[in-house]
């Protein structure tokens, strides 16, 4: 289940990136000056860039063991573990030509 959760988190990050949002990915650490970094990104610098803005910050650990919940689609009744029902999504794209 851990790999499924990791996959869903990375897919969510990819979708945010496609929307043109800033996505930071990497291990958290402090450098020798005490500055927080995520991967090679300076977190303090990133936050300063967005100072004064209303933000939503989502942090998803790729190392936790929280199980992925199986949901049931309210439209077709199928069970799924993704962000949305993949069957209904592909049908919607096929029939309407929209994501």
PDB file of N, CA and C in Angstrom:
ATOM      1  N   UNK A   1       0.814  -1.206   0.000  1.00  0.00           N
ATOM      2  CA  UNK A   1       0.000   0.000   0.000  1.00  0.00           C
ATOM      3  C   UNK A   1       0.851   1.262   0.000  1.00  0.00           C
ATOM      4  N   UNK A   2       2.054   1.187   0.563  1.00  0.00           N
ATOM      5  CA  UNK A   2       2.904   2.363   0.635  1.00  0.00           C
ATOM      6  C   UNK A   2       3.217   2.901  -0.753  1.00  0.00           C
ATOM      7  N   UNK A   3       3.466   2.025  -1.719  1.00  0.00           N
ATOM      8  CA  UNK A   3       3.785   2.492  -3.067  1.00  0.00           C
ATOM      9  C   UNK A   3       2.573   3.141  -3.733  1.00  0.00           C
ATOM     10  N   UNK A   4       1.355   2.682  -3.418  1.00  0.00           N
ATOM     11  CA  UNK A   4       0.139   3.286  -3.964  1.00  0.00           C
ATOM     12  C   UNK A   4      -0.019   4.703  -3.437  1.00  0.00           C
ATOM     13  N   UNK A   5       0.186   4.891  -2.146  1.00  0.00           N
ATOM     14  CA  UNK A   5       0.069   6.220  -1.541  1.00  0.00           C
ATOM     15  C   UNK A   5       1.122   7.151  -2.134  1.00  0.00           C
ATOM     16  N   UNK A   6       2.349   6.669  -2.266  1.00  0.00           N
ATOM     17  CA  UNK A   6       3.437   7.453  -2.860  1.00  0.00           C
ATOM     18  C   UNK A   6       3.065   7.880  -4.276  1.00  0.00           C
ATOM     19  N   UNK A   7       2.505   6.965  -5.035  1.00  0.00           N
ATOM     20  CA  UNK A   7       2.100   7.244  -6.409  1.00  0.00           C
ATOM     21  C   UNK A   7       1.030   8.331  -6.466  1.00  0.00           C
ATOM     22  N   UNK A   8       0.065   8.267  -5.572  1.00  0.00           N
ATOM     23  CA  UNK A   8      -1.015   9.264  -5.545  1.00  0.00           C
ATOM     24  C   UNK A   8      -0.462  10.640  -5.169  1.00  0.00           C
ATOM     25  N   UNK A   9       0.455  10.699  -4.200  1.00  0.00           N
ATOM     26  CA  UNK A   9       1.059  11.974  -3.800  1.00  0.00           C
ATOM     27  C   UNK A   9       1.833  12.583  -4.957  1.00  0.00           C
ATOM     28  N   UNK A  10       2.633  11.771  -5.649  1.00  0.00           N
ATOM     29  CA  UNK A  10       3.413  12.278  -6.773  1.00  0.00           C
ATOM     30  C   UNK A  10       2.515  12.695  -7.940  1.00  0.00           C
ATOM     31  N   UNK A  11       1.403  12.001  -8.144  1.00  0.00           N
ATOM     32  CA  UNK A  11       0.461  12.394  -9.199  1.00  0.00           C
ATOM     33  C   UNK A  11      -0.180  13.742  -8.858  1.00  0.00           C
ATOM     34  N   UNK A  12      -0.520  13.942  -7.597  1.00  0.00           N
ATOM     35  CA  UNK A  12      -1.089  15.223  -7.156  1.00  0.00           C
ATOM     36  C   UNK A  12      -0.084  16.351  -7.380  1.00  0.00           C
ATOM     37  N   UNK A  13       1.184  16.103  -7.057  1.00  0.00           N
ATOM     38  CA  UNK A  13       2.233  17.109  -7.275  1.00  0.00           C
ATOM     39  C   UNK A  13       2.392  17.409  -8.759  1.00  0.00           C
ATOM     40  N   UNK A  14       2.323  16.377  -9.609  1.00  0.00           N
ATOM     41  CA  UNK A  14       2.449  16.576 -11.054  1.00  0.00           C
ATOM     42  C   UNK A  14       1.293  17.411 -11.591  1.00  0.00           C
ATOM     43  N   UNK A  15       0.079  17.166 -11.079  1.00  0.00           N
ATOM     44  CA  UNK A  15      -1.075  17.952 -11.518  1.00  0.00           C
ATOM     45  C   UNK A  15      -0.940  19.403 -11.070  1.00  0.00           C
ATOM     46  N   UNK A  16      -0.421  19.633  -9.870  1.00  0.00           N
ATOM     47  CA  UNK A  16      -0.195  21.005  -9.400  1.00  0.00           C
ATOM     48  C   UNK A  16       0.840  21.698 -10.280  1.00  0.00           C
ATOM     49  N   UNK A  17       1.888  20.984 -10.649  1.00  0.00           N
ATOM     50  CA  UNK A  17       2.926  21.536 -11.520  1.00  0.00           C
ATOM     51  C   UNK A  17       2.352  21.906 -12.882  1.00  0.00           C
ATOM     52  N   UNK A  18       1.457  21.051 -13.414  1.00  0.00           N
ATOM     53  CA  UNK A  18       0.831  21.328 -14.707  1.00  0.00           C
ATOM     54  C   UNK A  18      -0.061  22.561 -14.651  1.00  0.00           C
ATOM     55  N   UNK A  19      -0.571  22.895 -13.460  1.00  0.00           N
ATOM     56  CA  UNK A  19      -1.371  24.108 -13.284  1.00  0.00           C
ATOM     57  C   UNK A  19      -0.493  25.350 -13.141  1.00  0.00           C
ATOM     58  N   UNK A  20       0.825  25.157 -13.180  1.00  0.00           N
ATOM     59  CA  UNK A  20       1.739  26.284 -13.054  1.00  0.00           C
ATOM     60  C   UNK A  20       2.042  26.657 -11.618  1.00  0.00           C
ATOM     61  N   UNK A  21       1.764  25.776 -10.677  1.00  0.00           N
ATOM     62  CA  UNK A  21       2.029  26.048  -9.270  1.00  0.00           C
ATOM     63  C   UNK A  21       3.458  25.659  -8.919  1.00  0.00           C
ATOM     64  N   UNK A  22       4.014  26.291  -7.893  1.00  0.00           N
ATOM     65  CA  UNK A  22       5.341  25.924  -7.409  1.00  0.00           C
ATOM     66  C   UNK A  22       5.240  24.606  -6.657  1.00  0.00           C
ATOM     67  N   UNK A  23       6.054  23.658  -7.035  1.00  0.00           N
ATOM     68  CA  UNK A  23       6.089  22.360  -6.378  1.00  0.00           C
ATOM     69  C   UNK A  23       7.518  22.090  -5.942  1.00  0.00           C
ATOM     70  N   UNK A  24       7.700  21.877  -4.651  1.00  0.00           N
ATOM     71  CA  UNK A  24       9.017  21.547  -4.120  1.00  0.00           C
ATOM     72  C   UNK A  24       9.015  20.065  -3.770  1.00  0.00           C
ATOM     73  N   UNK A  25      10.081  19.376  -4.132  1.00  0.00           N
ATOM     74  CA  UNK A  25      10.164  17.950  -3.887  1.00  0.00           C
ATOM     75  C   UNK A  25      11.577  17.613  -3.446  1.00  0.00           C
ATOM     76  N   UNK A  26      11.713  16.865  -2.368  1.00  0.00           N
ATOM     77  CA  UNK A  26      13.023  16.449  -1.889  1.00  0.00           C
ATOM     78  C   UNK A  26      13.010  16.243  -0.392  1.00  0.00           C
ATOM     79  N   UNK A  27      14.131  15.835   0.127  1.00  0.00           N
ATOM     80  CA  UNK A  27      14.270  15.623   1.567  1.00  0.00           C
ATOM     81  C   UNK A  27      14.421  16.966   2.273  1.00  0.00           C
ATOM     82  N   UNK A  28      13.818  17.066   3.459  1.00  0.00           N
ATOM     83  CA  UNK A  28      13.972  18.276   4.266  1.00  0.00           C
ATOM     84  C   UNK A  28      15.272  18.178   5.054  1.00  0.00           C
ATOM     85  N   UNK A  29      15.968  19.302   5.129  1.00  0.00           N
ATOM     86  CA  UNK A  29      17.220  19.350   5.883  1.00  0.00           C
ATOM     87  C   UNK A  29      17.540  20.799   6.196  1.00  0.00           C
ATOM     88  N   UNK A  30      18.429  20.981   7.133  1.00  0.00           N
ATOM     89  CA  UNK A  30      18.955  22.311   7.446  1.00  0.00           C
ATOM     90  C   UNK A  30      20.393  22.364   6.955  1.00  0.00           C
ATOM     91  N   UNK A  31      20.758  23.493   6.342  1.00  0.00           N
ATOM     92  CA  UNK A  31      22.144  23.630   5.902  1.00  0.00           C
ATOM     93  C   UNK A  31      23.004  24.124   7.071  1.00  0.00           C
ATOM     94  N   UNK A  32      24.261  24.390   6.808  1.00  0.00           N
ATOM     95  CA  UNK A  32      25.188  24.800   7.864  1.00  0.00           C
ATOM     96  C   UNK A  32      24.816  26.141   8.497  1.00  0.00           C
ATOM     97  N   UNK A  33      24.013  26.961   7.806  1.00  0.00           N
ATOM     98  CA  UNK A  33      23.558  28.253   8.335  1.00  0.00           C
ATOM     99  C   UNK A  33      22.224  28.159   9.053  1.00  0.00           C
ATOM    100  N   UNK A  34      21.662  26.966   9.152  1.00  0.00           N
ATOM    101  CA  UNK A  34      20.379  26.775   9.826  1.00  0.00           C
ATOM    102  C   UNK A  34      19.180  27.038   8.935  1.00  0.00           C
ATOM    103  N   UNK A  35      19.403  27.241   7.639  1.00  0.00           N
ATOM    104  CA  UNK A  35      18.308  27.487   6.693  1.00  0.00           C
ATOM    105  C   UNK A  35      17.664  26.167   6.293  1.00  0.00           C
ATOM    106  N   UNK A  36      16.343  26.155   6.228  1.00  0.00           N
ATOM    107  CA  UNK A  36      15.626  24.955   5.803  1.00  0.00           C
ATOM    108  C   UNK A  36      15.701  24.803   4.292  1.00  0.00           C
ATOM    109  N   UNK A  37      15.907  23.582   3.852  1.00  0.00           N
ATOM    110  CA  UNK A  37      15.925  23.259   2.428  1.00  0.00           C
ATOM    111  C   UNK A  37      15.030  22.059   2.188  1.00  0.00           C
ATOM    112  N   UNK A  38      14.390  22.057   1.036  1.00  0.00           N
ATOM    113  CA  UNK A  38      13.654  20.891   0.556  1.00  0.00           C
ATOM    114  C   UNK A  38      14.346  20.510  -0.745  1.00  0.00           C
ATOM    115  N   UNK A  39      15.058  19.383  -0.704  1.00  0.00           N
ATOM    116  CA  UNK A  39      15.910  19.036  -1.840  1.00  0.00           C
ATOM    117  C   UNK A  39      16.975  20.106  -1.972  1.00  0.00           C
ATOM    118  N   UNK A  40      17.100  20.714  -3.136  1.00  0.00           N
ATOM    119  CA  UNK A  40      18.057  21.814  -3.326  1.00  0.00           C
ATOM    120  C   UNK A  40      17.388  23.185  -3.252  1.00  0.00           C
ATOM    121  N   UNK A  41      16.098  23.230  -2.917  1.00  0.00           N
ATOM    122  CA  UNK A  41      15.346  24.492  -2.843  1.00  0.00           C
ATOM    123  C   UNK A  41      15.460  25.096  -1.448  1.00  0.00           C
ATOM    124  N   UNK A  42      15.750  26.374  -1.384  1.00  0.00           N
ATOM    125  CA  UNK A  42      15.805  27.105  -0.124  1.00  0.00           C
ATOM    126  C   UNK A  42      14.378  27.479   0.270  1.00  0.00           C
ATOM    127  N   UNK A  43      13.893  26.895   1.358  1.00  0.00           N
ATOM    128  CA  UNK A  43      12.505  27.118   1.775  1.00  0.00           C
ATOM    129  C   UNK A  43      12.276  28.560   2.202  1.00  0.00           C
ATOM    130  N   UNK A  44      13.235  29.161   2.907  1.00  0.00           N
ATOM    131  CA  UNK A  44      13.089  30.564   3.322  1.00  0.00           C
ATOM    132  C   UNK A  44      12.969  31.488   2.113  1.00  0.00           C
ATOM    133  N   UNK A  45      13.797  31.252   1.111  1.00  0.00           N
ATOM    134  CA  UNK A  45      13.760  32.050  -0.117  1.00  0.00           C
ATOM    135  C   UNK A  45      12.422  31.882  -0.830  1.00  0.00           C
ATOM    136  N   UNK A  46      11.932  30.638  -0.874  1.00  0.00           N
ATOM    137  CA  UNK A  46      10.653  30.360  -1.531  1.00  0.00           C
ATOM    138  C   UNK A  46       9.512  31.070  -0.809  1.00  0.00           C
ATOM    139  N   UNK A  47       9.531  31.034   0.527  1.00  0.00           N
ATOM    140  CA  UNK A  47       8.473  31.694   1.300  1.00  0.00           C
ATOM    141  C   UNK A  47       8.550  33.210   1.146  1.00  0.00           C
ATOM    142  N   UNK A  48       9.740  33.767   1.078  1.00  0.00           N
ATOM    143  CA  UNK A  48       9.885  35.208   0.860  1.00  0.00           C
ATOM    144  C   UNK A  48       9.311  35.610  -0.491  1.00  0.00           C
ATOM    145  N   UNK A  49       9.478  34.761  -1.491  1.00  0.00           N
ATOM    146  CA  UNK A  49       8.952  35.043  -2.826  1.00  0.00           C
ATOM    147  C   UNK A  49       7.424  35.153  -2.797  1.00  0.00           C
ATOM    148  N   UNK A  50       6.804  34.442  -1.871  1.00  0.00           N
ATOM    149  CA  UNK A  50       5.344  34.434  -1.779  1.00  0.00           C
ATOM    150  C   UNK A  50       4.822  35.224  -0.575  1.00  0.00           C
ATOM    151  N   UNK A  51       5.665  36.072  -0.019  1.00  0.00           N
ATOM    152  CA  UNK A  51       5.261  36.844   1.156  1.00  0.00           C
ATOM    153  C   UNK A  51       4.048  37.723   0.837  1.00  0.00           C
ATOM    154  N   UNK A  52       3.085  37.729   1.732  1.00  0.00           N
ATOM    155  CA  UNK A  52       1.885  38.538   1.574  1.00  0.00           C
ATOM    156  C   UNK A  52       0.777  37.852   0.786  1.00  0.00           C
ATOM    157  N   UNK A  53       1.061  36.715   0.170  1.00  0.00           N
ATOM    158  CA  UNK A  53       0.050  35.989  -0.601  1.00  0.00           C
ATOM    159  C   UNK A  53      -0.689  35.003   0.299  1.00  0.00           C
ATOM    160  N   UNK A  54      -1.926  34.733  -0.053  1.00  0.00           N
ATOM    161  CA  UNK A  54      -2.662  33.681   0.634  1.00  0.00           C
ATOM    162  C   UNK A  54      -2.299  32.365  -0.052  1.00  0.00           C
ATOM    163  N   UNK A  55      -1.763  31.422   0.708  1.00  0.00           N
ATOM    164  CA  UNK A  55      -1.252  30.185   0.138  1.00  0.00           C
ATOM    165  C   UNK A  55      -1.964  28.969   0.716  1.00  0.00           C
ATOM    166  N   UNK A  56      -1.893  27.894  -0.010  1.00  0.00           N
ATOM    167  CA  UNK A  56      -2.258  26.570   0.481  1.00  0.00           C
ATOM    168  C   UNK A  56      -0.999  25.732   0.358  1.00  0.00           C
ATOM    169  N   UNK A  57      -0.525  25.214   1.460  1.00  0.00           N
ATOM    170  CA  UNK A  57       0.665  24.380   1.431  1.00  0.00           C
ATOM    171  C   UNK A  57       0.251  22.962   1.794  1.00  0.00           C
ATOM    172  N   UNK A  58       0.566  22.032   0.921  1.00  0.00           N
ATOM    173  CA  UNK A  58       0.252  20.629   1.147  1.00  0.00           C
ATOM    174  C   UNK A  58       1.568  19.888   1.298  1.00  0.00           C
ATOM    175  N   UNK A  59       1.719  19.195   2.395  1.00  0.00           N
ATOM    176  CA  UNK A  59       2.929  18.425   2.622  1.00  0.00           C
ATOM    177  C   UNK A  59       2.545  16.959   2.682  1.00  0.00           C
ATOM    178  N   UNK A  60       3.123  16.189   1.797  1.00  0.00           N
ATOM    179  CA  UNK A  60       2.858  14.759   1.760  1.00  0.00           C
ATOM    180  C   UNK A  60       4.157  13.994   1.907  1.00  0.00           C
ATOM    181  N   UNK A  61       4.263  13.234   2.978  1.00  0.00           N
ATOM    182  CA  UNK A  61       5.461  12.433   3.185  1.00  0.00           C
ATOM    183  C   UNK A  61       5.403  11.203   2.297  1.00  0.00           C
ATOM    184  N   UNK A  62       6.492  10.943   1.600  1.00  0.00           N
ATOM    185  CA  UNK A  62       6.565   9.762   0.746  1.00  0.00           C
ATOM    186  C   UNK A  62       7.046   8.553   1.522  1.00  0.00           C
ATOM    187  N   UNK A  63       7.217   8.704   2.833  1.00  0.00           N
ATOM    188  CA  UNK A  63       7.758   7.620   3.641  1.00  0.00           C
ATOM    189  C   UNK A  63       6.814   7.130   4.732  1.00  0.00           C
ATOM    190  N   UNK A  64       5.619   7.702   4.852  1.00  0.00           N
ATOM    191  CA  UNK A  64       4.718   7.239   5.906  1.00  0.00           C
ATOM    192  C   UNK A  64       4.032   5.932   5.506  1.00  0.00           C
ATOM    193  N   UNK A  65       3.426   5.286   6.482  1.00  0.00           N
ATOM    194  CA  UNK A  65       2.775   4.002   6.247  1.00  0.00           C
ATOM    195  C   UNK A  65       1.252   4.092   6.373  1.00  0.00           C
ATOM    196  N   UNK A  66       0.695   5.270   6.153  1.00  0.00           N
ATOM    197  CA  UNK A  66      -0.752   5.436   6.242  1.00  0.00           C
ATOM    198  C   UNK A  66      -1.389   4.700   5.068  1.00  0.00           C
ATOM    199  N   UNK A  67      -2.340   3.818   5.331  1.00  0.00           N
ATOM    200  CA  UNK A  67      -2.947   3.051   4.230  1.00  0.00           C
ATOM    201  C   UNK A  67      -3.831   3.933   3.346  1.00  0.00           C
ATOM    202  N   UNK A  68      -3.895   3.570   2.076  1.00  0.00           N
ATOM    203  CA  UNK A  68      -4.747   4.274   1.123  1.00  0.00           C
ATOM    204  C   UNK A  68      -6.159   3.723   1.265  1.00  0.00           C
ATOM    205  N   UNK A  69      -7.118   4.611   1.382  1.00  0.00           N
ATOM    206  CA  UNK A  69      -8.502   4.175   1.524  1.00  0.00           C
ATOM    207  C   UNK A  69      -9.109   3.905   0.152  1.00  0.00           C
ATOM    208  N   UNK A  70      -9.824   2.823   0.069  1.00  0.00           N
ATOM    209  CA  UNK A  70     -10.567   2.518  -1.146  1.00  0.00           C
ATOM    210  C   UNK A  70     -11.909   3.240  -1.060  1.00  0.00           C
ATOM    211  N   UNK A  71     -12.249   3.943  -2.111  1.00  0.00           N
ATOM    212  CA  UNK A  71     -13.518   4.675  -2.171  1.00  0.00           C
ATOM    213  C   UNK A  71     -14.422   4.034  -3.210  1.00  0.00           C
ATOM    214  N   UNK A  72     -15.701   4.293  -3.078  1.00  0.00           N
ATOM    215  CA  UNK A  72     -16.676   3.797  -4.043  1.00  0.00           C
ATOM    216  C   UNK A  72     -17.225   4.987  -4.814  1.00  0.00           C
ATOM    217  N   UNK A  73     -17.201   4.887  -6.138  1.00  0.00           N
ATOM    218  CA  UNK A  73     -17.688   5.963  -6.995  1.00  0.00           C
ATOM    219  C   UNK A  73     -19.199   6.094  -6.848  1.00  0.00           C
ATOM    220  N   UNK A  74     -19.658   7.318  -6.653  1.00  0.00           N
ATOM    221  CA  UNK A  74     -21.100   7.569  -6.515  1.00  0.00           C
ATOM    222  C   UNK A  74     -21.821   7.497  -7.853  1.00  0.00           C
ATOM    223  N   UNK A  75     -21.076   7.522  -8.935  1.00  0.00           N
ATOM    224  CA  UNK A  75     -21.682   7.480 -10.263  1.00  0.00           C
ATOM    225  C   UNK A  75     -21.821   6.057 -10.782  1.00  0.00           C
ATOM    226  N   UNK A  76     -20.694   5.321 -10.804  1.00  0.00           N
ATOM    227  CA  UNK A  76     -20.719   3.985 -11.412  1.00  0.00           C
ATOM    228  C   UNK A  76     -20.689   2.849 -10.399  1.00  0.00           C
ATOM    229  N   UNK A  77     -20.369   3.144  -9.158  1.00  0.00           N
ATOM    230  CA  UNK A  77     -20.347   2.124  -8.124  1.00  0.00           C
ATOM    231  C   UNK A  77     -19.054   1.327  -8.030  1.00  0.00           C
ATOM    232  N   UNK A  78     -18.067   1.634  -8.848  1.00  0.00           N
ATOM    233  CA  UNK A  78     -16.794   0.907  -8.795  1.00  0.00           C
ATOM    234  C   UNK A  78     -15.938   1.418  -7.641  1.00  0.00           C
ATOM    235  N   UNK A  79     -15.102   0.528  -7.125  1.00  0.00           N
ATOM    236  CA  UNK A  79     -14.144   0.915  -6.094  1.00  0.00           C
ATOM    237  C   UNK A  79     -12.876   1.428  -6.766  1.00  0.00           C
ATOM    238  N   UNK A  80     -12.228   2.436  -6.155  1.00  0.00           N
ATOM    239  CA  UNK A  80     -10.992   3.006  -6.696  1.00  0.00           C
ATOM    240  C   UNK A  80     -10.155   3.558  -5.558  1.00  0.00           C
ATOM    241  N   UNK A  81      -8.857   3.741  -5.826  1.00  0.00           N
ATOM    242  CA  UNK A  81      -7.942   4.292  -4.821  1.00  0.00           C
ATOM    243  C   UNK A  81      -7.282   5.577  -5.301  1.00  0.00           C
ATOM    244  N   UNK A  82      -7.620   6.031  -6.490  1.00  0.00           N
ATOM    245  CA  UNK A  82      -7.008   7.233  -7.054  1.00  0.00           C
ATOM    246  C   UNK A  82      -7.715   8.475  -6.523  1.00  0.00           C
ATOM    247  N   UNK A  83      -7.390   9.640  -7.077  1.00  0.00           N
ATOM    248  CA  UNK A  83      -8.034  10.882  -6.667  1.00  0.00           C
ATOM    249  C   UNK A  83      -9.482  10.953  -7.130  1.00  0.00           C
ATOM    250  N   UNK A  84      -9.781  10.320  -8.274  1.00  0.00           N
ATOM    251  CA  UNK A  84     -11.136  10.251  -8.793  1.00  0.00           C
ATOM    252  C   UNK A  84     -11.295   8.905  -9.484  1.00  0.00           C
ATOM    253  N   UNK A  85     -12.512   8.534  -9.766  1.00  0.00           N
ATOM    254  CA  UNK A  85     -12.773   7.251 -10.403  1.00  0.00           C
ATOM    255  C   UNK A  85     -12.134   7.247 -11.796  1.00  0.00           C
ATOM    256  N   UNK A  86     -11.172   6.360 -12.038  1.00  0.00           N
ATOM    257  CA  UNK A  86     -10.503   6.358 -13.341  1.00  0.00           C
ATOM    258  C   UNK A  86     -11.435   5.944 -14.488  1.00  0.00           C
ATOM    259  N   UNK A  87     -12.425   5.106 -14.215  1.00  0.00           N
ATOM    260  CA  UNK A  87     -13.369   4.684 -15.247  1.00  0.00           C
ATOM    261  C   UNK A  87     -14.240   5.865 -15.681  1.00  0.00           C
ATOM    262  N   UNK A  88     -14.798   6.576 -14.720  1.00  0.00           N
ATOM    263  CA  UNK A  88     -15.652   7.726 -15.051  1.00  0.00           C
ATOM    264  C   UNK A  88     -14.835   8.849 -15.689  1.00  0.00           C
ATOM    265  N   UNK A  89     -13.606   9.038 -15.232  1.00  0.00           N
ATOM    266  CA  UNK A  89     -12.754  10.062 -15.821  1.00  0.00           C
ATOM    267  C   UNK A  89     -12.474   9.759 -17.289  1.00  0.00           C
ATOM    268  N   UNK A  90     -12.123   8.511 -17.604  1.00  0.00           N
ATOM    269  CA  UNK A  90     -11.837   8.168 -19.002  1.00  0.00           C
ATOM    270  C   UNK A  90     -13.100   8.251 -19.849  1.00  0.00           C
ATOM    271  N   UNK A  91     -14.240   7.894 -19.273  1.00  0.00           N
ATOM    272  CA  UNK A  91     -15.507   8.026 -20.003  1.00  0.00           C
ATOM    273  C   UNK A  91     -15.830   9.485 -20.280  1.00  0.00           C
ATOM    274  N   UNK A  92     -15.605  10.347 -19.269  1.00  0.00           N
ATOM    275  CA  UNK A  92     -15.880  11.778 -19.435  1.00  0.00           C
ATOM    276  C   UNK A  92     -14.985  12.371 -20.521  1.00  0.00           C
ATOM    277  N   UNK A  93     -13.730  12.006 -20.516  1.00  0.00           N
ATOM    278  CA  UNK A  93     -12.803  12.503 -21.539  1.00  0.00           C
ATOM    279  C   UNK A  93     -13.221  12.017 -22.921  1.00  0.00           C
ATOM    280  N   UNK A  94     -13.566  10.747 -23.004  1.00  0.00           N
ATOM    281  CA  UNK A  94     -13.961  10.166 -24.286  1.00  0.00           C
ATOM    282  C   UNK A  94     -15.249  10.791 -24.823  1.00  0.00           C
ATOM    283  N   UNK A  95     -16.237  10.992 -23.963  1.00  0.00           N
ATOM    284  CA  UNK A  95     -17.543  11.474 -24.406  1.00  0.00           C
ATOM    285  C   UNK A  95     -17.604  13.001 -24.577  1.00  0.00           C
ATOM    286  N   UNK A  96     -16.943  13.725 -23.690  1.00  0.00           N
ATOM    287  CA  UNK A  96     -17.026  15.188 -23.709  1.00  0.00           C
ATOM    288  C   UNK A  96     -15.767  15.867 -24.228  1.00  0.00           C
ATOM    289  N   UNK A  97     -14.694  15.111 -24.271  1.00  0.00           N
ATOM    290  CA  UNK A  97     -13.439  15.711 -24.698  1.00  0.00           C
ATOM    291  C   UNK A  97     -12.855  16.670 -23.697  1.00  0.00           C
ATOM    292  N   UNK A  98     -13.156  16.467 -22.416  1.00  0.00           N
ATOM    293  CA  UNK A  98     -12.629  17.347 -21.369  1.00  0.00           C
ATOM    294  C   UNK A  98     -12.046  16.506 -20.248  1.00  0.00           C
ATOM    295  N   UNK A  99     -11.040  17.016 -19.566  1.00  0.00           N
ATOM    296  CA  UNK A  99     -10.433  16.269 -18.439  1.00  0.00           C
ATOM    297  C   UNK A  99     -11.287  16.315 -17.193  1.00  0.00           C
TER     298      UNK A  99
END
